[in-house]
Protein backbone atom coordinates (compact mmCIF):
# COMPACT_ATOMS: atom_id res chain seq x y z
CA MET A 1 3.84 10.97 43.73
CA PHE A 2 0.56 11.70 45.64
CA GLY A 3 2.19 10.69 48.93
CA ILE A 4 2.44 7.00 47.91
CA ASP A 5 5.78 5.31 48.50
CA LEU A 6 7.19 2.50 46.35
CA PRO A 7 6.01 -0.38 48.60
CA GLU A 8 2.46 1.02 48.69
CA PHE A 9 2.47 1.50 44.91
CA LEU A 10 3.66 -2.09 44.35
CA LEU A 11 0.89 -3.36 46.65
CA ILE A 12 -1.72 -1.44 44.61
CA VAL A 13 -0.31 -2.86 41.35
CA PHE A 14 -0.34 -6.41 42.82
CA VAL A 15 -3.96 -6.07 43.98
CA ALA A 16 -4.96 -4.65 40.57
CA VAL A 17 -3.33 -7.58 38.75
CA VAL A 18 -5.05 -10.08 41.04
CA VAL A 19 -8.49 -8.41 40.94
CA ILE A 20 -8.60 -7.28 37.30
CA GLY A 21 -6.31 -9.91 35.84
CA PRO A 22 -3.25 -9.46 33.66
CA LYS A 23 -5.29 -9.80 30.46
CA ASP A 24 -7.65 -6.85 31.17
CA LEU A 25 -5.16 -4.67 33.09
CA PRO A 26 -3.95 -2.58 30.07
CA ARG A 27 -7.53 -1.77 29.11
CA ALA A 28 -8.39 -0.86 32.72
CA LEU A 29 -5.33 1.41 32.94
CA TYR A 30 -6.30 3.05 29.63
CA MET A 31 -9.83 3.72 30.93
CA ALA A 32 -8.43 5.03 34.22
CA GLY A 33 -6.11 7.37 32.27
CA LYS A 34 -9.03 8.71 30.20
CA PHE A 35 -11.04 9.25 33.38
CA ILE A 36 -8.17 11.07 35.09
CA ARG A 37 -7.62 13.28 32.01
CA LYS A 38 -11.32 14.16 31.93
CA ILE A 39 -11.31 15.04 35.65
CA LYS A 40 -8.16 17.09 35.17
CA SER A 41 -9.71 19.07 32.27
CA TYR A 42 -12.84 19.72 34.37
CA THR A 43 -10.80 20.96 37.31
CA THR A 44 -8.72 23.18 34.98
CA ASP A 45 -11.90 24.71 33.53
CA ILE A 46 -13.30 25.27 37.00
CA GLN A 47 -10.02 26.88 38.12
CA ARG A 48 -10.02 29.22 35.09
CA THR A 49 -13.61 30.21 35.76
CA LEU A 50 -12.88 30.89 39.43
CA ASP A 51 -9.78 32.92 38.52
CA LYS A 52 -11.83 34.96 36.04
CA ILE A 53 -14.55 35.59 38.64
CA MET A 54 -11.95 36.62 41.23
CA GLU A 55 -10.25 38.95 38.75
CA GLU A 56 -13.56 40.59 37.84
CA GLY A 57 -14.41 40.94 41.53
CA GLU A 58 -11.03 42.50 42.26
CA LEU A 59 -11.43 44.94 39.36
CA GLU A 60 -14.90 45.91 40.54
CA GLU A 61 -13.53 46.47 44.05
CA ILE A 62 -10.69 48.64 42.72
CA VAL A 63 -13.12 50.76 40.70
CA ARG A 64 -15.51 50.99 43.64
CA ASN A 65 -12.70 52.11 45.97
CA ALA A 66 -11.38 54.58 43.40
CA ASN A 67 -14.79 56.21 42.95
CA LYS A 68 -16.13 56.13 46.50
CA PRO A 69 -17.21 59.52 47.93
CA GLY A 70 -14.52 61.27 49.90
CA GLY A 71 -11.90 58.87 48.62
CA ASP A 72 -9.49 59.07 45.78
CA ASP A 73 -11.65 59.67 42.75
CA LEU A 74 -9.66 58.36 39.86
CA GLN A 75 -11.84 59.95 37.19
CA GLN A 76 -11.51 63.39 38.80
CA LYS A 77 -7.73 63.00 38.91
CA ILE A 78 -7.66 62.01 35.26
CA ASP A 79 -9.88 64.96 34.28
CA ARG A 80 -7.74 67.33 36.35
CA GLN A 81 -4.55 66.05 34.70
CA ILE A 82 -6.07 66.40 31.23
CA ALA A 83 -7.10 69.99 32.04
CA VAL A 84 -3.59 70.83 33.30
CA GLU A 85 -2.01 69.36 30.18
CA ALA A 86 -4.46 71.23 27.94
CA GLU A 87 -3.69 74.52 29.73
CA SER A 88 0.04 73.96 29.46
CA LYS A 89 -0.25 73.27 25.72
CA ALA A 90 -2.56 76.22 25.00
CA PRO A 91 0.03 78.99 25.77
CA GLU A 92 2.63 77.15 23.71
CA LYS A 93 0.33 77.22 20.69
CA GLY A 94 -0.46 80.90 21.27
CA GLU A 95 3.22 81.76 21.58
CA ALA A 96 3.95 79.81 18.42
CA LYS A 97 1.24 81.78 16.60
CA ASN A 98 2.66 85.05 17.90
CA GLU A 99 6.17 84.07 16.83
CA SER A 100 4.85 82.99 13.44
CA ALA A 101 2.91 86.23 13.07
CA SER A 102 5.89 88.34 14.10
CA SER A 103 8.22 86.51 11.72
CA HIS A 104 5.60 86.88 8.97
CA SER A 105 5.31 90.64 9.62
CA HIS A 106 9.11 90.85 9.69
CA VAL A 107 9.25 89.23 6.22
CA GLU A 108 6.60 91.67 4.96
CA ASN A 109 8.61 94.60 6.32
CA GLN A 110 11.70 93.36 4.51
CA LYS A 111 9.72 93.07 1.24
CA ARG A 112 8.39 96.62 1.61
CA GLN A 113 11.88 97.94 2.24
CA ALA A 114 13.18 96.08 -0.81
CA ASP A 115 10.36 97.52 -2.97
CA ALA A 116 11.00 101.05 -1.76
């Protein structure tokens, strides 16, 4: 516990009882507990803020490195991949239309033959 051994802790308790007195010791410990809790909440808030700042800084650095000239441009890669996917989907749609049109014309031919 904070690098304090049992004999050192007992010495601190003894000095506190002598200096503060047994009557006021519970109140003093309560006040010390409130103070420690307040300090702990402040340090937690500060730690969260520092973590948030570090995370934002790291994200900015990642974006800066991704978009630097001559480097890996992430946006260009994304645009290139979108274009490739769009091109690969476009022939599929065209083929589907051709198949649909040919099956439609096949049905019309069958109807004409049935009418004749």
